[in-house]
N, C-alpha and C. Protein backbone atom coordinates (compact mmCIF):
# COMPACT_ATOMS: atom_id res chain seq x y z
N MET A 1 0.85 -1.18 0.00
CA MET A 1 0.00 0.00 0.00
C MET A 1 0.89 1.24 0.00
N CYS A 2 0.47 2.25 -0.74
CA CYS A 2 1.23 3.50 -0.75
C CYS A 2 1.03 4.23 0.58
N GLU A 3 1.89 5.20 0.81
CA GLU A 3 1.82 5.98 2.05
C GLU A 3 0.54 6.81 2.07
N ILE A 4 -0.25 6.64 3.13
CA ILE A 4 -1.51 7.36 3.29
C ILE A 4 -1.48 8.10 4.62
N ARG A 5 -1.87 9.36 4.57
CA ARG A 5 -1.94 10.17 5.79
C ARG A 5 -3.40 10.45 6.09
N ILE A 6 -3.81 10.23 7.35
CA ILE A 6 -5.18 10.49 7.80
C ILE A 6 -5.14 11.74 8.67
N TYR A 7 -6.01 12.69 8.38
CA TYR A 7 -6.00 13.93 9.16
C TYR A 7 -7.37 14.61 9.15
N PRO A 8 -7.67 15.36 10.22
CA PRO A 8 -8.91 16.15 10.21
C PRO A 8 -8.71 17.36 9.31
N SER A 9 -9.68 17.63 8.47
CA SER A 9 -9.57 18.75 7.54
C SER A 9 -10.51 19.87 7.95
N GLU A 10 -9.95 21.04 8.12
CA GLU A 10 -10.76 22.23 8.39
C GLU A 10 -11.09 22.93 7.07
N SER A 11 -10.41 22.54 6.01
CA SER A 11 -10.58 23.21 4.72
C SER A 11 -11.85 22.74 4.04
N ARG A 12 -12.73 23.69 3.78
CA ARG A 12 -13.96 23.40 3.04
C ARG A 12 -14.04 24.33 1.82
N ASP A 13 -12.86 24.75 1.34
CA ASP A 13 -12.83 25.65 0.18
C ASP A 13 -13.23 24.90 -1.08
N GLU A 14 -13.46 25.65 -2.13
CA GLU A 14 -13.97 25.09 -3.39
C GLU A 14 -13.10 23.96 -3.93
N ALA A 15 -11.79 24.16 -3.95
CA ALA A 15 -10.88 23.15 -4.51
C ALA A 15 -10.88 21.88 -3.67
N SER A 16 -10.85 22.02 -2.35
CA SER A 16 -10.85 20.84 -1.47
C SER A 16 -12.14 20.06 -1.62
N VAL A 17 -13.26 20.76 -1.58
CA VAL A 17 -14.57 20.10 -1.69
C VAL A 17 -14.70 19.44 -3.06
N HIS A 18 -14.23 20.11 -4.10
CA HIS A 18 -14.29 19.52 -5.45
C HIS A 18 -13.50 18.21 -5.50
N GLY A 19 -12.31 18.19 -4.92
CA GLY A 19 -11.51 16.96 -4.89
C GLY A 19 -12.22 15.83 -4.17
N LEU A 20 -12.88 16.15 -3.06
CA LEU A 20 -13.62 15.12 -2.32
C LEU A 20 -14.85 14.66 -3.11
N CYS A 21 -15.47 15.57 -3.84
CA CYS A 21 -16.61 15.18 -4.68
C CYS A 21 -16.18 14.20 -5.77
N LEU A 22 -14.98 14.38 -6.30
CA LEU A 22 -14.47 13.43 -7.30
C LEU A 22 -14.27 12.05 -6.68
N VAL A 23 -13.72 12.01 -5.46
CA VAL A 23 -13.58 10.73 -4.74
C VAL A 23 -14.96 10.12 -4.53
N TRP A 24 -15.91 10.94 -4.08
CA TRP A 24 -17.28 10.47 -3.86
C TRP A 24 -17.84 9.82 -5.12
N GLU A 25 -17.73 10.51 -6.26
CA GLU A 25 -18.32 9.99 -7.49
C GLU A 25 -17.66 8.69 -7.93
N ARG A 26 -16.34 8.62 -7.87
CA ARG A 26 -15.67 7.37 -8.26
C ARG A 26 -16.08 6.23 -7.34
N SER A 27 -16.16 6.51 -6.05
CA SER A 27 -16.55 5.49 -5.08
C SER A 27 -17.99 5.03 -5.31
N VAL A 28 -18.89 5.97 -5.49
CA VAL A 28 -20.30 5.62 -5.69
C VAL A 28 -20.49 4.83 -6.98
N ARG A 29 -19.82 5.22 -8.03
CA ARG A 29 -19.96 4.47 -9.29
C ARG A 29 -19.45 3.04 -9.16
N ALA A 30 -18.48 2.81 -8.28
CA ALA A 30 -17.93 1.47 -8.09
C ALA A 30 -18.76 0.62 -7.13
N THR A 31 -19.50 1.25 -6.22
CA THR A 31 -20.15 0.47 -5.16
C THR A 31 -21.67 0.57 -5.14
N HIS A 32 -22.22 1.63 -5.67
CA HIS A 32 -23.67 1.83 -5.62
C HIS A 32 -24.29 1.48 -6.98
N THR A 33 -24.15 0.23 -7.35
CA THR A 33 -24.58 -0.21 -8.68
C THR A 33 -26.10 -0.15 -8.86
N PHE A 34 -26.82 0.05 -7.78
CA PHE A 34 -28.28 0.16 -7.84
C PHE A 34 -28.73 1.55 -8.29
N LEU A 35 -27.80 2.50 -8.37
CA LEU A 35 -28.13 3.86 -8.81
C LEU A 35 -27.86 4.02 -10.30
N SER A 36 -28.76 4.71 -10.98
CA SER A 36 -28.55 5.01 -12.40
C SER A 36 -27.61 6.22 -12.51
N ASP A 37 -27.10 6.44 -13.72
CA ASP A 37 -26.26 7.62 -13.95
C ASP A 37 -27.02 8.90 -13.61
N ALA A 38 -28.31 8.94 -13.98
CA ALA A 38 -29.12 10.12 -13.70
C ALA A 38 -29.27 10.33 -12.19
N GLU A 39 -29.46 9.25 -11.45
CA GLU A 39 -29.59 9.37 -9.99
C GLU A 39 -28.28 9.84 -9.36
N ILE A 40 -27.17 9.30 -9.83
CA ILE A 40 -25.87 9.74 -9.32
C ILE A 40 -25.68 11.23 -9.61
N GLY A 41 -26.03 11.65 -10.82
CA GLY A 41 -25.92 13.06 -11.17
C GLY A 41 -26.78 13.95 -10.29
N MET A 42 -27.99 13.50 -10.00
CA MET A 42 -28.89 14.27 -9.15
C MET A 42 -28.36 14.37 -7.72
N ILE A 43 -27.90 13.25 -7.17
CA ILE A 43 -27.37 13.23 -5.81
C ILE A 43 -26.10 14.06 -5.73
N SER A 44 -25.28 14.00 -6.79
CA SER A 44 -23.99 14.70 -6.77
C SER A 44 -24.14 16.20 -6.56
N ARG A 45 -25.28 16.75 -6.94
CA ARG A 45 -25.49 18.19 -6.75
C ARG A 45 -25.57 18.56 -5.27
N CYS A 46 -25.94 17.60 -4.41
CA CYS A 46 -26.06 17.85 -2.97
C CYS A 46 -24.77 17.56 -2.21
N VAL A 47 -23.88 16.80 -2.80
CA VAL A 47 -22.69 16.33 -2.09
C VAL A 47 -21.82 17.47 -1.57
N PRO A 48 -21.55 18.53 -2.35
CA PRO A 48 -20.72 19.61 -1.80
C PRO A 48 -21.28 20.18 -0.49
N GLU A 49 -22.59 20.37 -0.44
CA GLU A 49 -23.19 20.91 0.78
C GLU A 49 -23.08 19.92 1.94
N PHE A 50 -23.27 18.63 1.66
CA PHE A 50 -23.12 17.61 2.71
C PHE A 50 -21.70 17.66 3.28
N ILE A 51 -20.72 17.77 2.40
CA ILE A 51 -19.32 17.82 2.83
C ILE A 51 -19.06 19.07 3.67
N ARG A 52 -19.56 20.21 3.20
CA ARG A 52 -19.34 21.46 3.94
C ARG A 52 -20.04 21.46 5.30
N ALA A 53 -21.18 20.77 5.40
CA ALA A 53 -22.00 20.83 6.61
C ALA A 53 -21.58 19.84 7.69
N VAL A 54 -20.88 18.78 7.33
CA VAL A 54 -20.56 17.75 8.33
C VAL A 54 -19.60 18.36 9.37
N PRO A 55 -19.88 18.15 10.66
CA PRO A 55 -19.04 18.78 11.69
C PRO A 55 -17.57 18.38 11.67
N HIS A 56 -17.29 17.10 11.42
CA HIS A 56 -15.90 16.63 11.42
C HIS A 56 -15.62 15.92 10.10
N LEU A 57 -14.68 16.46 9.36
CA LEU A 57 -14.29 15.90 8.06
C LEU A 57 -12.89 15.34 8.20
N ILE A 58 -12.76 14.04 7.96
CA ILE A 58 -11.48 13.35 8.07
C ILE A 58 -11.07 12.90 6.67
N VAL A 59 -9.86 13.24 6.27
CA VAL A 59 -9.39 12.97 4.92
C VAL A 59 -8.22 12.00 4.96
N ALA A 60 -8.17 11.11 3.99
CA ALA A 60 -7.01 10.25 3.75
C ALA A 60 -6.38 10.75 2.45
N ALA A 61 -5.10 11.08 2.52
CA ALA A 61 -4.40 11.61 1.35
C ALA A 61 -3.16 10.79 1.06
N ASP A 62 -2.80 10.72 -0.22
CA ASP A 62 -1.61 9.98 -0.61
C ASP A 62 -0.35 10.82 -0.37
N ALA A 63 0.78 10.30 -0.80
CA ALA A 63 2.07 10.94 -0.52
C ALA A 63 2.20 12.33 -1.11
N VAL A 64 1.45 12.63 -2.18
CA VAL A 64 1.52 13.96 -2.77
C VAL A 64 0.39 14.87 -2.30
N GLY A 65 -0.38 14.40 -1.32
CA GLY A 65 -1.44 15.22 -0.73
C GLY A 65 -2.78 15.14 -1.43
N GLN A 66 -2.92 14.23 -2.39
CA GLN A 66 -4.18 14.05 -3.11
C GLN A 66 -5.15 13.24 -2.25
N ALA A 67 -6.36 13.76 -2.05
CA ALA A 67 -7.37 13.02 -1.28
C ALA A 67 -7.73 11.73 -2.00
N VAL A 68 -7.72 10.62 -1.26
CA VAL A 68 -8.08 9.32 -1.83
C VAL A 68 -9.27 8.70 -1.10
N ALA A 69 -9.66 9.30 0.02
CA ALA A 69 -10.81 8.83 0.79
C ALA A 69 -11.17 9.90 1.80
N PHE A 70 -12.41 9.84 2.29
CA PHE A 70 -12.80 10.77 3.35
C PHE A 70 -13.96 10.20 4.14
N MET A 71 -14.10 10.74 5.34
CA MET A 71 -15.16 10.33 6.25
C MET A 71 -15.71 11.58 6.92
N GLY A 72 -17.04 11.64 7.06
CA GLY A 72 -17.68 12.72 7.79
C GLY A 72 -18.31 12.17 9.05
N ILE A 73 -18.14 12.88 10.16
CA ILE A 73 -18.65 12.43 11.46
C ILE A 73 -19.47 13.54 12.08
N SER A 74 -20.60 13.15 12.66
CA SER A 74 -21.42 14.06 13.45
C SER A 74 -21.76 13.35 14.75
N GLY A 75 -21.34 13.91 15.85
CA GLY A 75 -21.53 13.23 17.14
C GLY A 75 -20.75 11.93 17.14
N ARG A 76 -21.46 10.81 17.36
CA ARG A 76 -20.84 9.49 17.34
C ARG A 76 -21.16 8.73 16.05
N LYS A 77 -21.71 9.44 15.07
CA LYS A 77 -22.18 8.78 13.85
C LYS A 77 -21.28 9.08 12.65
N ILE A 78 -20.93 8.01 11.93
CA ILE A 78 -20.26 8.17 10.64
C ILE A 78 -21.36 8.55 9.65
N GLU A 79 -21.30 9.76 9.15
CA GLU A 79 -22.31 10.26 8.21
C GLU A 79 -21.98 9.88 6.77
N MET A 80 -20.68 9.73 6.50
CA MET A 80 -20.26 9.38 5.14
C MET A 80 -18.85 8.80 5.20
N LEU A 81 -18.61 7.85 4.33
CA LEU A 81 -17.27 7.25 4.19
C LEU A 81 -17.14 6.80 2.74
N PHE A 82 -16.19 7.39 2.04
CA PHE A 82 -15.99 7.06 0.63
C PHE A 82 -14.50 6.89 0.36
N VAL A 83 -14.18 5.80 -0.34
CA VAL A 83 -12.79 5.47 -0.66
C VAL A 83 -12.68 5.34 -2.18
N ASP A 84 -11.64 5.94 -2.74
CA ASP A 84 -11.40 5.81 -4.17
C ASP A 84 -11.30 4.32 -4.50
N PRO A 85 -11.99 3.86 -5.55
CA PRO A 85 -11.97 2.42 -5.86
C PRO A 85 -10.58 1.86 -6.10
N ALA A 86 -9.63 2.69 -6.53
CA ALA A 86 -8.26 2.20 -6.76
C ALA A 86 -7.59 1.78 -5.46
N LEU A 87 -8.11 2.25 -4.32
CA LEU A 87 -7.51 1.92 -3.03
C LEU A 87 -8.40 1.03 -2.15
N ARG A 88 -9.54 0.60 -2.69
CA ARG A 88 -10.40 -0.28 -1.90
C ARG A 88 -9.66 -1.58 -1.61
N GLY A 89 -9.88 -2.11 -0.41
CA GLY A 89 -9.26 -3.36 -0.02
C GLY A 89 -7.83 -3.22 0.47
N GLN A 90 -7.36 -1.98 0.63
CA GLN A 90 -5.98 -1.75 1.05
C GLN A 90 -5.88 -1.17 2.46
N GLY A 91 -6.99 -1.18 3.19
CA GLY A 91 -6.96 -0.76 4.59
C GLY A 91 -7.24 0.71 4.84
N VAL A 92 -7.49 1.48 3.80
CA VAL A 92 -7.73 2.91 3.98
C VAL A 92 -9.05 3.15 4.72
N GLY A 93 -10.10 2.47 4.31
CA GLY A 93 -11.39 2.61 4.99
C GLY A 93 -11.31 2.18 6.44
N ARG A 94 -10.63 1.08 6.68
CA ARG A 94 -10.46 0.61 8.06
C ARG A 94 -9.72 1.65 8.90
N ARG A 95 -8.67 2.23 8.34
CA ARG A 95 -7.91 3.24 9.08
C ARG A 95 -8.77 4.46 9.40
N LEU A 96 -9.63 4.85 8.46
CA LEU A 96 -10.53 5.97 8.73
C LEU A 96 -11.49 5.63 9.87
N VAL A 97 -12.09 4.45 9.81
CA VAL A 97 -13.03 4.05 10.87
C VAL A 97 -12.29 3.95 12.21
N GLU A 98 -11.11 3.36 12.22
CA GLU A 98 -10.32 3.28 13.47
C GLU A 98 -10.05 4.68 14.02
N TYR A 99 -9.72 5.61 13.16
CA TYR A 99 -9.50 7.00 13.58
C TYR A 99 -10.78 7.55 14.21
N GLY A 100 -11.91 7.31 13.56
CA GLY A 100 -13.19 7.79 14.09
C GLY A 100 -13.52 7.19 15.44
N ILE A 101 -13.23 5.91 15.61
CA ILE A 101 -13.48 5.25 16.90
C ILE A 101 -12.57 5.85 17.96
N ARG A 102 -11.30 5.99 17.63
CA ARG A 102 -10.31 6.49 18.60
C ARG A 102 -10.55 7.96 18.97
N MET A 103 -10.83 8.80 17.99
CA MET A 103 -10.89 10.24 18.24
C MET A 103 -12.30 10.76 18.56
N PHE A 104 -13.34 10.05 18.08
CA PHE A 104 -14.71 10.54 18.24
C PHE A 104 -15.65 9.51 18.86
N SER A 105 -15.12 8.35 19.23
CA SER A 105 -15.94 7.27 19.80
C SER A 105 -17.13 6.92 18.91
N VAL A 106 -16.90 6.92 17.58
CA VAL A 106 -18.01 6.59 16.68
C VAL A 106 -18.52 5.19 16.98
N GLY A 107 -19.83 5.06 16.88
CA GLY A 107 -20.44 3.77 17.16
C GLY A 107 -21.72 3.54 16.40
N GLU A 108 -22.03 4.41 15.46
CA GLU A 108 -23.25 4.23 14.67
C GLU A 108 -23.08 4.78 13.26
N LEU A 109 -23.91 4.26 12.36
CA LEU A 109 -23.87 4.68 10.97
C LEU A 109 -25.10 4.13 10.26
N CYS A 110 -25.32 4.62 9.05
CA CYS A 110 -26.34 4.09 8.15
C CYS A 110 -25.62 3.67 6.88
N VAL A 111 -26.09 2.58 6.28
CA VAL A 111 -25.48 2.10 5.05
C VAL A 111 -26.59 1.60 4.13
N ASN A 112 -26.40 1.79 2.83
CA ASN A 112 -27.38 1.28 1.87
C ASN A 112 -27.39 -0.24 1.91
N GLU A 113 -28.56 -0.80 2.10
CA GLU A 113 -28.71 -2.26 2.11
C GLU A 113 -28.26 -2.85 0.77
N GLN A 114 -28.42 -2.09 -0.30
CA GLN A 114 -28.07 -2.56 -1.64
C GLN A 114 -26.57 -2.45 -1.93
N ASN A 115 -25.78 -2.15 -0.92
CA ASN A 115 -24.33 -2.08 -1.03
C ASN A 115 -23.74 -3.15 -0.10
N PRO A 116 -23.86 -4.43 -0.48
CA PRO A 116 -23.46 -5.51 0.42
C PRO A 116 -21.98 -5.50 0.80
N GLN A 117 -21.12 -4.98 -0.07
CA GLN A 117 -19.70 -4.91 0.30
C GLN A 117 -19.49 -3.97 1.48
N ALA A 118 -20.20 -2.85 1.49
CA ALA A 118 -20.08 -1.91 2.61
C ALA A 118 -20.67 -2.52 3.88
N VAL A 119 -21.80 -3.20 3.75
CA VAL A 119 -22.41 -3.86 4.92
C VAL A 119 -21.41 -4.85 5.51
N GLY A 120 -20.80 -5.67 4.67
CA GLY A 120 -19.81 -6.64 5.14
C GLY A 120 -18.59 -5.98 5.76
N PHE A 121 -18.14 -4.88 5.18
CA PHE A 121 -17.00 -4.13 5.71
C PHE A 121 -17.30 -3.68 7.14
N TYR A 122 -18.46 -3.08 7.34
CA TYR A 122 -18.81 -2.58 8.67
C TYR A 122 -19.04 -3.73 9.65
N GLU A 123 -19.63 -4.82 9.19
CA GLU A 123 -19.80 -5.99 10.07
C GLU A 123 -18.44 -6.52 10.52
N HIS A 124 -17.49 -6.55 9.60
CA HIS A 124 -16.14 -7.01 9.92
C HIS A 124 -15.49 -6.14 10.99
N LEU A 125 -15.89 -4.87 11.05
CA LEU A 125 -15.35 -3.94 12.04
C LEU A 125 -16.19 -3.91 13.32
N GLY A 126 -17.14 -4.83 13.43
CA GLY A 126 -17.90 -4.95 14.68
C GLY A 126 -19.24 -4.25 14.72
N PHE A 127 -19.66 -3.65 13.62
CA PHE A 127 -20.97 -3.01 13.58
C PHE A 127 -22.03 -4.08 13.32
N ARG A 128 -23.20 -3.91 13.93
CA ARG A 128 -24.31 -4.83 13.77
C ARG A 128 -25.56 -4.05 13.39
N VAL A 129 -26.40 -4.66 12.55
CA VAL A 129 -27.65 -4.02 12.14
C VAL A 129 -28.58 -3.95 13.34
N CYS A 130 -29.10 -2.75 13.60
CA CYS A 130 -30.04 -2.59 14.71
C CYS A 130 -31.44 -2.23 14.22
N ARG A 131 -31.55 -1.71 13.00
CA ARG A 131 -32.87 -1.48 12.40
C ARG A 131 -32.72 -1.24 10.91
N ARG A 132 -33.86 -1.22 10.24
CA ARG A 132 -33.90 -1.08 8.79
C ARG A 132 -34.98 -0.07 8.43
N SER A 133 -34.72 0.68 7.38
CA SER A 133 -35.70 1.63 6.86
C SER A 133 -35.85 1.39 5.36
N GLU A 134 -37.05 1.50 4.86
CA GLU A 134 -37.31 1.33 3.42
C GLU A 134 -36.74 2.49 2.60
N ARG A 135 -36.51 3.63 3.25
CA ARG A 135 -36.05 4.82 2.54
C ARG A 135 -34.79 5.37 3.19
N ASP A 136 -33.98 6.04 2.38
CA ASP A 136 -32.77 6.65 2.93
C ASP A 136 -33.13 7.92 3.70
N GLU A 137 -32.13 8.58 4.25
CA GLU A 137 -32.37 9.74 5.11
C GLU A 137 -32.91 10.95 4.34
N GLN A 138 -32.81 10.93 3.02
CA GLN A 138 -33.38 11.99 2.20
C GLN A 138 -34.77 11.63 1.68
N GLY A 139 -35.27 10.45 2.08
CA GLY A 139 -36.61 10.03 1.68
C GLY A 139 -36.67 9.27 0.36
N ASN A 140 -35.51 8.95 -0.20
CA ASN A 140 -35.47 8.20 -1.46
C ASN A 140 -35.69 6.71 -1.21
N PRO A 141 -36.19 5.99 -2.20
CA PRO A 141 -36.55 4.57 -2.00
C PRO A 141 -35.36 3.61 -2.05
N TYR A 142 -34.34 3.90 -1.24
CA TYR A 142 -33.17 3.03 -1.14
C TYR A 142 -33.11 2.53 0.31
N PRO A 143 -33.36 1.24 0.53
CA PRO A 143 -33.37 0.72 1.90
C PRO A 143 -32.05 0.98 2.63
N ILE A 144 -32.19 1.38 3.88
CA ILE A 144 -31.05 1.74 4.72
C ILE A 144 -30.99 0.81 5.92
N LEU A 145 -29.78 0.39 6.25
CA LEU A 145 -29.55 -0.37 7.48
C LEU A 145 -28.87 0.57 8.47
N TRP A 146 -29.43 0.65 9.67
CA TRP A 146 -28.83 1.41 10.75
C TRP A 146 -27.97 0.42 11.52
N MET A 147 -26.70 0.76 11.71
CA MET A 147 -25.77 -0.15 12.37
C MET A 147 -25.17 0.53 13.60
N GLU A 148 -24.89 -0.30 14.61
CA GLU A 148 -24.25 0.18 15.83
C GLU A 148 -23.10 -0.74 16.18
N ARG A 149 -22.17 -0.20 16.94
CA ARG A 149 -20.99 -0.95 17.36
C ARG A 149 -20.79 -0.77 18.85
N SER A 150 -20.47 -1.87 19.51
CA SER A 150 -20.15 -1.76 20.93
C SER A 150 -18.79 -1.08 21.06
N GLY A 151 -18.42 -0.69 22.25
CA GLY A 151 -17.17 0.02 22.46
C GLY A 151 -15.93 -0.84 22.50
N GLU A 152 -16.03 -2.11 22.11
CA GLU A 152 -14.88 -3.01 22.15
C GLU A 152 -13.82 -2.58 21.14
N PRO A 153 -12.54 -2.75 21.49
CA PRO A 153 -11.47 -2.38 20.55
C PRO A 153 -11.50 -3.25 19.29
N LEU A 154 -10.98 -2.70 18.21
CA LEU A 154 -10.90 -3.47 16.95
C LEU A 154 -9.80 -4.51 17.04
C-alpha cells in the first residue's frame, strides 16, 4: 500500500470540496450499482453541501497530498465514508473508521442495504444491524440499514 496520511480537515474551500466530490463519485460508481447515472448526477449536486456541513471531516491523502478517501462524522455517527476504488481493499477505509473510533468514539452509521460490500465491511469492524428503513435519510426509495458498534477495541 502506498503511504496514506489520515488527518482532520478544516478546509472546506472550493478546490478541497471539489476533490472530495471526485472521490465520492468514483466510489459511488464502483459500489452503488443500484443507482442510475441520472440518480448519481442528481445526488452529486447535494454532495458539496453535505461535505461542507458535516461537523468533522477526516481525509485520507496519498504521498503527494491528493485526497483518496474521506469520512464525515457528526456526534458518534459516521455520516459518510468514501474510498477511491483504486484503493479499496488496502486498509484505507479501516484506518478511517479506526480513527473515528479512537478520536470521536463513533459507534453508529447508516449504510445502503443494496451495497453488500459496505455492509460486510462494517460488520467485519464490529458493527451490527439494529434497524432497517425502506427509505434513505433523504426520503429516497433506497433501503437503509442502521448499524451500531459496541465500544470493544478493533
